[in-house]
């Protein structure tokens, strides 16, 4: 019981510390790119319009990235993904996230 409570407190402290950071790690940027590629590919396969895809994916980017320059960079990459004719998440990821 005490170990479970201690683990819960540690996770809470770590989450709080992460929420209060002012930067985005490179790992987070890479993960966001992969999430964007997967989301863009999925929405393309569902035949969403480009404007709807951009709006939905940008809301994810805004929620996950804190630094304005990183959000702008992620948005530019996402726009390239949306404009690309490729509909496969793996292909988008390898082309734009490496």
N, C-alpha and C. Protein backbone atom coordinates (compact mmCIF):
# COMPACT_ATOMS: atom_id res chain seq x y z
N UNK A 1 0.83 -1.19 0.00
CA UNK A 1 0.00 0.00 0.00
C UNK A 1 0.87 1.26 0.00
N UNK A 2 1.90 1.29 0.86
CA UNK A 2 2.77 2.45 0.93
C UNK A 2 3.55 2.63 -0.37
N UNK A 3 3.98 1.50 -0.97
CA UNK A 3 4.72 1.58 -2.23
C UNK A 3 3.84 2.13 -3.35
N UNK A 4 2.59 1.71 -3.36
CA UNK A 4 1.65 2.20 -4.37
C UNK A 4 1.41 3.69 -4.21
N UNK A 5 1.24 4.11 -2.97
CA UNK A 5 1.03 5.53 -2.70
C UNK A 5 2.26 6.35 -3.07
N UNK A 6 3.43 5.83 -2.72
CA UNK A 6 4.68 6.51 -3.06
C UNK A 6 4.86 6.60 -4.58
N UNK A 7 4.54 5.53 -5.29
CA UNK A 7 4.65 5.54 -6.75
C UNK A 7 3.70 6.57 -7.35
N UNK A 8 2.49 6.65 -6.81
CA UNK A 8 1.52 7.64 -7.29
C UNK A 8 2.00 9.05 -7.07
N UNK A 9 2.62 9.30 -5.92
CA UNK A 9 3.15 10.64 -5.63
C UNK A 9 4.29 10.96 -6.57
N UNK A 10 5.17 10.00 -6.83
CA UNK A 10 6.30 10.23 -7.74
C UNK A 10 5.81 10.56 -9.15
N UNK A 11 4.82 9.82 -9.62
CA UNK A 11 4.26 10.09 -10.95
C UNK A 11 3.63 11.47 -10.98
N UNK A 12 2.92 11.84 -9.95
CA UNK A 12 2.29 13.16 -9.89
C UNK A 12 3.32 14.27 -9.90
N UNK A 13 4.39 14.09 -9.14
CA UNK A 13 5.46 15.10 -9.09
C UNK A 13 6.12 15.21 -10.46
N UNK A 14 6.39 14.08 -11.10
CA UNK A 14 7.02 14.10 -12.42
C UNK A 14 6.11 14.78 -13.44
N UNK A 15 4.82 14.48 -13.40
CA UNK A 15 3.87 15.10 -14.32
C UNK A 15 3.80 16.60 -14.09
N UNK A 16 3.80 17.00 -12.83
CA UNK A 16 3.75 18.43 -12.50
C UNK A 16 5.01 19.13 -12.98
N UNK A 17 6.17 18.48 -12.76
CA UNK A 17 7.44 19.07 -13.20
C UNK A 17 7.46 19.21 -14.72
N UNK A 18 6.97 18.19 -15.43
CA UNK A 18 6.93 18.25 -16.89
C UNK A 18 6.01 19.37 -17.36
N UNK A 19 4.88 19.50 -16.70
CA UNK A 19 3.91 20.52 -17.10
C UNK A 19 4.46 21.92 -16.91
N UNK A 20 5.42 22.08 -16.01
CA UNK A 20 5.97 23.39 -15.74
C UNK A 20 7.27 23.68 -16.47
N UNK A 21 7.71 22.79 -17.34
CA UNK A 21 8.91 23.06 -18.13
C UNK A 21 8.56 24.06 -19.22
N UNK A 22 9.56 24.82 -19.63
CA UNK A 22 9.31 25.85 -20.63
C UNK A 22 9.89 25.47 -21.99
N UNK A 23 10.42 24.28 -22.11
CA UNK A 23 11.00 23.85 -23.38
C UNK A 23 10.38 22.54 -23.83
N UNK A 24 10.61 22.21 -25.08
CA UNK A 24 10.18 20.94 -25.66
C UNK A 24 11.43 20.14 -25.97
N UNK A 25 11.50 18.91 -25.50
CA UNK A 25 12.67 18.07 -25.78
C UNK A 25 12.66 17.64 -27.24
N UNK A 26 13.83 17.22 -27.71
CA UNK A 26 13.90 16.73 -29.09
C UNK A 26 13.09 15.44 -29.23
N UNK A 27 13.04 14.65 -28.16
CA UNK A 27 12.23 13.43 -28.19
C UNK A 27 10.75 13.76 -28.34
N UNK A 28 10.32 14.81 -27.66
CA UNK A 28 8.93 15.23 -27.78
C UNK A 28 8.64 15.75 -29.18
N UNK A 29 9.57 16.48 -29.76
CA UNK A 29 9.40 16.97 -31.13
C UNK A 29 9.30 15.80 -32.12
N UNK A 30 10.15 14.80 -31.94
CA UNK A 30 10.11 13.62 -32.80
C UNK A 30 8.79 12.88 -32.64
N UNK A 31 8.37 12.71 -31.40
CA UNK A 31 7.11 12.01 -31.13
C UNK A 31 5.93 12.78 -31.74
N UNK A 32 5.95 14.11 -31.63
CA UNK A 32 4.88 14.92 -32.19
C UNK A 32 4.84 14.77 -33.70
N UNK A 33 5.99 14.70 -34.34
CA UNK A 33 6.03 14.52 -35.80
C UNK A 33 5.41 13.18 -36.18
N UNK A 34 5.73 12.13 -35.43
CA UNK A 34 5.17 10.81 -35.71
C UNK A 34 3.65 10.80 -35.51
N UNK A 35 3.21 11.46 -34.45
CA UNK A 35 1.76 11.55 -34.19
C UNK A 35 1.08 12.32 -35.32
N UNK A 36 1.71 13.40 -35.76
CA UNK A 36 1.14 14.18 -36.86
C UNK A 36 1.05 13.35 -38.13
N UNK A 37 2.09 12.59 -38.44
CA UNK A 37 2.09 11.75 -39.64
C UNK A 37 0.97 10.73 -39.58
N UNK A 38 0.82 10.09 -38.44
CA UNK A 38 -0.24 9.09 -38.27
C UNK A 38 -1.62 9.73 -38.39
N UNK A 39 -1.78 10.89 -37.77
CA UNK A 39 -3.09 11.56 -37.81
C UNK A 39 -3.42 12.05 -39.21
N UNK A 40 -2.45 12.65 -39.88
CA UNK A 40 -2.67 13.12 -41.25
C UNK A 40 -3.05 11.94 -42.15
N UNK A 41 -2.31 10.85 -42.05
CA UNK A 41 -2.60 9.68 -42.89
C UNK A 41 -4.00 9.13 -42.61
N UNK A 42 -4.35 9.06 -41.34
CA UNK A 42 -5.68 8.53 -40.98
C UNK A 42 -6.78 9.43 -41.51
N UNK A 43 -6.64 10.74 -41.33
CA UNK A 43 -7.67 11.66 -41.80
C UNK A 43 -7.75 11.69 -43.32
N UNK A 44 -6.61 11.55 -44.00
CA UNK A 44 -6.64 11.45 -45.46
C UNK A 44 -7.40 10.22 -45.91
N UNK A 45 -7.17 9.11 -45.21
CA UNK A 45 -7.85 7.87 -45.60
C UNK A 45 -9.35 7.97 -45.35
N UNK A 46 -9.74 8.80 -44.40
CA UNK A 46 -11.16 9.03 -44.14
C UNK A 46 -11.74 10.12 -45.04
N UNK A 47 -10.92 10.61 -45.95
CA UNK A 47 -11.29 11.62 -46.94
C UNK A 47 -11.71 12.95 -46.32
N UNK A 48 -11.02 13.32 -45.24
CA UNK A 48 -11.22 14.67 -44.68
C UNK A 48 -10.65 15.68 -45.66
N UNK A 49 -11.16 16.87 -45.64
CA UNK A 49 -10.60 17.95 -46.45
C UNK A 49 -9.31 18.46 -45.82
N UNK A 50 -8.46 19.05 -46.65
CA UNK A 50 -7.18 19.54 -46.16
C UNK A 50 -7.33 20.57 -45.04
N UNK A 51 -8.30 21.46 -45.15
CA UNK A 51 -8.49 22.48 -44.12
C UNK A 51 -8.86 21.84 -42.78
N UNK A 52 -9.72 20.83 -42.81
CA UNK A 52 -10.11 20.13 -41.58
C UNK A 52 -8.92 19.38 -40.98
N UNK A 53 -8.12 18.76 -41.83
CA UNK A 53 -6.93 18.04 -41.34
C UNK A 53 -5.99 19.03 -40.66
N UNK A 54 -5.72 20.15 -41.33
CA UNK A 54 -4.81 21.15 -40.76
C UNK A 54 -5.31 21.65 -39.40
N UNK A 55 -6.59 21.91 -39.31
CA UNK A 55 -7.16 22.42 -38.07
C UNK A 55 -7.04 21.39 -36.94
N UNK A 56 -7.41 20.15 -37.23
CA UNK A 56 -7.38 19.10 -36.21
C UNK A 56 -5.95 18.78 -35.75
N UNK A 57 -5.04 18.66 -36.69
CA UNK A 57 -3.67 18.31 -36.33
C UNK A 57 -2.99 19.48 -35.62
N UNK A 58 -3.28 20.71 -36.05
CA UNK A 58 -2.67 21.85 -35.37
C UNK A 58 -3.15 21.96 -33.94
N UNK A 59 -4.38 21.58 -33.67
CA UNK A 59 -4.85 21.61 -32.28
C UNK A 59 -4.06 20.62 -31.42
N UNK A 60 -3.69 19.47 -31.99
CA UNK A 60 -2.84 18.51 -31.28
C UNK A 60 -1.45 19.09 -31.04
N UNK A 61 -0.91 19.73 -32.06
CA UNK A 61 0.42 20.33 -31.94
C UNK A 61 0.41 21.41 -30.86
N UNK A 62 -0.59 22.25 -30.87
CA UNK A 62 -0.68 23.33 -29.89
C UNK A 62 -0.81 22.80 -28.47
N UNK A 63 -1.52 21.69 -28.33
CA UNK A 63 -1.71 21.11 -27.00
C UNK A 63 -0.43 20.46 -26.47
N UNK A 64 0.42 19.96 -27.35
CA UNK A 64 1.59 19.20 -26.92
C UNK A 64 2.88 20.00 -26.85
N UNK A 65 3.04 21.00 -27.68
CA UNK A 65 4.29 21.76 -27.72
C UNK A 65 4.13 23.12 -27.07
N UNK A 66 5.12 23.50 -26.27
CA UNK A 66 5.02 24.74 -25.51
C UNK A 66 5.73 25.92 -26.16
N UNK A 67 6.84 25.64 -26.85
CA UNK A 67 7.65 26.70 -27.44
C UNK A 67 7.07 27.11 -28.79
N UNK A 68 6.85 28.40 -28.97
CA UNK A 68 6.22 28.91 -30.19
C UNK A 68 6.99 28.51 -31.45
N UNK A 69 8.31 28.61 -31.42
CA UNK A 69 9.11 28.24 -32.59
C UNK A 69 8.92 26.76 -32.95
N UNK A 70 8.82 25.93 -31.93
CA UNK A 70 8.60 24.50 -32.18
C UNK A 70 7.21 24.24 -32.75
N UNK A 71 6.22 24.97 -32.25
CA UNK A 71 4.86 24.82 -32.80
C UNK A 71 4.84 25.24 -34.26
N UNK A 72 5.52 26.35 -34.57
CA UNK A 72 5.56 26.81 -35.96
C UNK A 72 6.28 25.82 -36.86
N UNK A 73 7.38 25.26 -36.38
CA UNK A 73 8.12 24.26 -37.15
C UNK A 73 7.27 23.02 -37.38
N UNK A 74 6.58 22.56 -36.34
CA UNK A 74 5.72 21.39 -36.45
C UNK A 74 4.55 21.66 -37.40
N UNK A 75 4.04 22.89 -37.37
CA UNK A 75 2.94 23.24 -38.27
C UNK A 75 3.40 23.24 -39.72
N UNK A 76 4.60 23.76 -39.98
CA UNK A 76 5.13 23.75 -41.35
C UNK A 76 5.30 22.32 -41.87
N UNK A 77 5.83 21.46 -41.00
CA UNK A 77 6.00 20.05 -41.38
C UNK A 77 4.65 19.41 -41.65
N UNK A 78 3.69 19.69 -40.77
CA UNK A 78 2.34 19.13 -40.94
C UNK A 78 1.72 19.61 -42.25
N UNK A 79 1.91 20.88 -42.60
CA UNK A 79 1.37 21.40 -43.86
C UNK A 79 1.97 20.67 -45.06
N UNK A 80 3.27 20.37 -44.99
CA UNK A 80 3.90 19.60 -46.06
C UNK A 80 3.30 18.20 -46.16
N UNK A 81 3.03 17.59 -45.00
CA UNK A 81 2.41 16.26 -44.98
C UNK A 81 1.02 16.30 -45.61
N UNK A 82 0.25 17.32 -45.27
CA UNK A 82 -1.11 17.43 -45.80
C UNK A 82 -1.08 17.63 -47.31
N UNK A 83 -0.15 18.44 -47.80
CA UNK A 83 -0.06 18.72 -49.23
C UNK A 83 0.52 17.55 -50.03
N UNK A 84 1.25 16.69 -49.36
CA UNK A 84 1.85 15.52 -50.01
C UNK A 84 0.75 14.56 -50.46
N UNK A 85 0.93 13.93 -51.59
CA UNK A 85 -0.07 12.97 -52.10
C UNK A 85 0.00 11.64 -51.36
N UNK A 86 1.08 11.40 -50.62
CA UNK A 86 1.26 10.15 -49.88
C UNK A 86 0.20 10.05 -48.79
N UNK A 87 -0.39 8.86 -48.65
CA UNK A 87 -1.43 8.63 -47.63
C UNK A 87 -1.00 7.62 -46.58
N UNK A 88 0.22 7.10 -46.68
CA UNK A 88 0.71 6.09 -45.75
C UNK A 88 1.48 6.77 -44.61
N UNK A 89 1.12 6.43 -43.37
CA UNK A 89 1.74 7.05 -42.20
C UNK A 89 3.23 6.78 -42.14
N UNK A 90 3.64 5.56 -42.43
CA UNK A 90 5.06 5.21 -42.40
C UNK A 90 5.86 6.00 -43.41
N UNK A 91 5.30 6.17 -44.60
CA UNK A 91 5.99 6.93 -45.64
C UNK A 91 6.10 8.41 -45.26
N UNK A 92 5.02 8.96 -44.71
CA UNK A 92 5.05 10.36 -44.25
C UNK A 92 6.08 10.53 -43.13
N UNK A 93 6.08 9.59 -42.21
CA UNK A 93 7.00 9.64 -41.08
C UNK A 93 8.45 9.59 -41.55
N UNK A 94 8.76 8.66 -42.45
CA UNK A 94 10.14 8.53 -42.92
C UNK A 94 10.57 9.74 -43.74
N UNK A 95 9.62 10.35 -44.43
CA UNK A 95 9.95 11.50 -45.28
C UNK A 95 10.12 12.78 -44.47
N UNK A 96 9.30 12.98 -43.44
CA UNK A 96 9.27 14.26 -42.74
C UNK A 96 9.79 14.23 -41.30
N UNK A 97 9.93 13.07 -40.71
CA UNK A 97 10.31 13.00 -39.29
C UNK A 97 11.73 12.51 -39.06
N UNK A 98 12.53 12.43 -40.11
CA UNK A 98 13.90 11.95 -39.90
C UNK A 98 14.91 13.04 -40.09
